[in-house]
Amino acid sequence: MSSETDRLVAFSTQLRSVHQRLRQALDLARRSIDGEFEEVGQDLLVYCRGFCAALSGHHQSEDRGLFPEITAAHPELAPVVANLVRDHNMLEHLLGGFAAAIDAGADDETLHRHLDGIGAVMETHFGYEERQLLTVLDTLALEGDPRTLLGDLA
């Protein structure tokens, strides 16, 4: 495999890796609600806000970096990208509701319901995105740093 091919395949691998890290961050947020972390600085706000920031950052990077490159090279994927951007907007709305619940001091059950909703939409979104784009990422000569295209978790 050439270094160019390695780089192309790395983008699809990195996308899956980012999704896995976001799943782990969601799990840490859930566990923080349950009071699993007692060390200083390892609390609800750190994990929950960190998860929200990581998911938002990933989606913003895709919207500004990855998706324009995909649609430029594959205009036929514009409807797929539009669906993914809609998911991003829905997730931002859900994250906003979760942040508001944290700020309001909501009980653990309410916070878990918020995360359950976010997690369900996130999983559906990730599955769709991977089914639609991994093959494209394996063949597309993307310009730029993976962090610019996929977010800081890349």
Protein backbone atom coordinates (compact mmCIF):
# COMPACT_ATOMS: atom_id res chain seq x y z
CA MET A 1 0.00 0.00 0.00
CA SER A 2 1.33 3.44 -0.85
CA SER A 3 1.58 6.21 1.71
CA GLU A 4 -1.22 8.04 -0.16
CA THR A 5 -3.47 4.98 0.13
CA ASP A 6 -2.53 4.65 3.79
CA ARG A 7 -3.54 8.28 4.33
CA LEU A 8 -6.89 7.79 2.58
CA VAL A 9 -7.74 4.65 4.53
CA ALA A 10 -6.68 6.43 7.70
CA PHE A 11 -9.55 8.94 7.32
CA SER A 12 -12.18 6.19 7.43
CA THR A 13 -10.36 4.56 10.34
CA GLN A 14 -10.13 7.90 12.12
CA LEU A 15 -13.84 8.55 11.65
CA ARG A 16 -14.65 5.21 13.30
CA SER A 17 -12.14 5.97 16.04
CA VAL A 18 -13.69 9.39 16.72
CA HIS A 19 -17.12 7.78 16.93
CA GLN A 20 -15.79 5.20 19.40
CA ARG A 21 -14.19 7.89 21.55
CA LEU A 22 -17.48 9.80 21.59
CA ARG A 23 -19.28 6.64 22.72
CA GLN A 24 -16.75 6.33 25.54
CA ALA A 25 -17.25 9.99 26.48
CA LEU A 26 -21.02 9.40 26.62
CA ASP A 27 -20.43 6.45 28.92
CA LEU A 28 -18.22 8.58 31.19
CA ALA A 29 -20.93 11.26 31.30
CA ARG A 30 -23.49 8.63 32.35
CA ARG A 31 -21.16 7.27 35.00
CA SER A 32 -20.47 10.77 36.32
CA ILE A 33 -24.20 11.32 36.84
CA ASP A 34 -24.19 8.20 39.01
CA GLY A 35 -21.39 9.67 41.15
CA GLU A 36 -18.84 7.08 40.11
CA PHE A 37 -15.96 9.56 40.18
CA GLU A 38 -14.94 11.02 43.49
CA GLU A 39 -11.57 12.52 42.63
CA VAL A 40 -11.32 16.30 42.48
CA GLY A 41 -12.19 17.55 39.01
CA GLN A 42 -13.79 14.27 37.91
CA ASP A 43 -17.39 15.22 38.28
CA LEU A 44 -20.61 15.72 36.41
CA LEU A 45 -19.65 19.02 34.85
CA VAL A 46 -16.28 17.82 33.64
CA TYR A 47 -17.56 14.69 31.94
CA CYS A 48 -20.95 15.93 30.78
CA ARG A 49 -19.70 19.26 29.48
CA GLY A 50 -16.66 17.56 27.98
CA PHE A 51 -18.85 15.07 26.12
CA CYS A 52 -21.08 17.88 24.81
CA ALA A 53 -18.09 19.92 23.64
CA ALA A 54 -16.46 16.92 21.96
CA LEU A 55 -19.62 15.91 20.08
CA SER A 56 -20.34 19.49 19.00
CA GLY A 57 -16.73 20.01 17.92
CA HIS A 58 -16.74 16.83 15.86
CA HIS A 59 -19.91 17.82 14.06
CA GLN A 60 -18.79 21.41 13.46
CA SER A 61 -15.55 20.12 11.93
CA GLU A 62 -17.46 17.78 9.64
CA ASP A 63 -19.88 20.54 8.61
CA ARG A 64 -17.11 23.04 7.84
CA GLY A 65 -14.35 20.73 6.61
CA LEU A 66 -15.23 17.17 5.70
CA PHE A 67 -18.68 17.56 4.17
CA PRO A 68 -17.79 20.35 1.71
CA GLU A 69 -14.92 18.22 0.41
CA ILE A 70 -17.17 15.19 0.04
CA THR A 71 -19.90 17.07 -1.82
CA ALA A 72 -17.36 18.79 -4.07
CA ALA A 73 -15.96 15.43 -5.13
CA HIS A 74 -19.27 13.52 -5.03
CA PRO A 75 -22.22 15.86 -5.69
CA GLU A 76 -24.52 12.84 -5.74
CA LEU A 77 -23.92 12.56 -1.98
CA ALA A 78 -25.46 15.99 -1.28
CA PRO A 79 -28.71 14.40 0.02
CA VAL A 80 -26.71 12.15 2.37
CA VAL A 81 -24.71 15.13 3.65
CA ALA A 82 -27.95 17.12 4.09
CA ASN A 83 -29.33 14.29 6.24
CA LEU A 84 -26.15 14.23 8.32
CA VAL A 85 -26.26 18.01 8.83
CA ARG A 86 -29.90 17.70 9.93
CA ASP A 87 -28.80 15.10 12.48
CA HIS A 88 -26.09 17.48 13.68
CA ASN A 89 -28.67 20.22 14.19
CA MET A 90 -30.96 17.83 16.08
CA LEU A 91 -28.09 16.71 18.29
CA GLU A 92 -27.15 20.34 19.00
CA HIS A 93 -30.72 20.95 20.12
CA LEU A 94 -30.61 17.88 22.38
CA LEU A 95 -27.22 18.91 23.79
CA GLY A 96 -28.65 22.36 24.55
CA GLY A 97 -31.52 20.77 26.46
CA PHE A 98 -29.06 18.60 28.37
CA ALA A 99 -26.89 21.61 29.26
CA ALA A 100 -29.98 23.50 30.43
CA ALA A 101 -30.95 20.54 32.62
CA ILE A 102 -27.47 20.48 34.16
CA ASP A 103 -27.62 24.24 34.79
CA ALA A 104 -31.05 23.87 36.40
CA GLY A 105 -29.77 21.18 38.77
CA ALA A 106 -32.00 18.46 37.32
CA ASP A 107 -32.16 15.12 39.12
CA ASP A 108 -30.16 12.11 37.96
CA GLU A 109 -33.14 10.44 36.29
CA THR A 110 -33.80 13.52 34.15
CA LEU A 111 -30.13 13.81 33.18
CA HIS A 112 -30.06 10.14 32.20
CA ARG A 113 -33.17 10.62 30.04
CA HIS A 114 -31.40 13.45 28.23
CA LEU A 115 -28.33 11.28 27.65
CA ASP A 116 -30.47 8.36 26.53
CA GLY A 117 -32.05 10.55 23.85
CA ILE A 118 -28.72 11.96 22.76
CA GLY A 119 -27.20 8.48 22.71
CA ALA A 120 -30.02 7.04 20.59
CA VAL A 121 -29.80 9.78 17.97
CA MET A 122 -26.00 9.68 18.06
CA GLU A 123 -25.90 5.91 17.40
CA THR A 124 -28.38 6.15 14.54
CA HIS A 125 -26.39 9.05 13.08
CA PHE A 126 -23.02 7.30 13.41
CA GLY A 127 -24.35 4.12 11.81
CA TYR A 128 -25.82 6.01 8.86
CA GLU A 129 -22.70 8.12 8.43
CA GLU A 130 -20.41 5.11 8.47
CA ARG A 131 -22.59 3.14 6.03
CA GLN A 132 -22.73 6.07 3.62
CA LEU A 133 -19.25 7.56 3.87
CA LEU A 134 -16.57 5.06 4.88
CA THR A 135 -16.08 3.76 1.35
CA VAL A 136 -15.96 7.32 0.05
CA LEU A 137 -13.37 8.25 2.68
CA ASP A 138 -11.26 5.29 1.58
CA THR A 139 -11.08 6.65 -1.97
CA LEU A 140 -11.26 10.43 -1.60
CA ALA A 141 -8.08 12.52 -1.60
CA LEU A 142 -8.94 14.80 1.31
CA GLU A 143 -7.04 17.99 1.89
CA GLY A 144 -6.20 19.06 5.39
CA ASP A 145 -5.46 17.85 8.85
CA PRO A 146 -7.79 15.14 10.19
CA ARG A 147 -8.53 17.35 13.22
CA THR A 148 -9.80 20.08 10.90
CA LEU A 149 -12.03 17.60 9.09
CA LEU A 150 -13.13 15.40 12.00
CA GLY A 151 -12.57 17.44 15.17
CA ASP A 152 -10.05 17.41 17.98
CA LEU A 153 -10.61 13.72 18.78
CA ALA A 154 -9.12 12.68 15.42
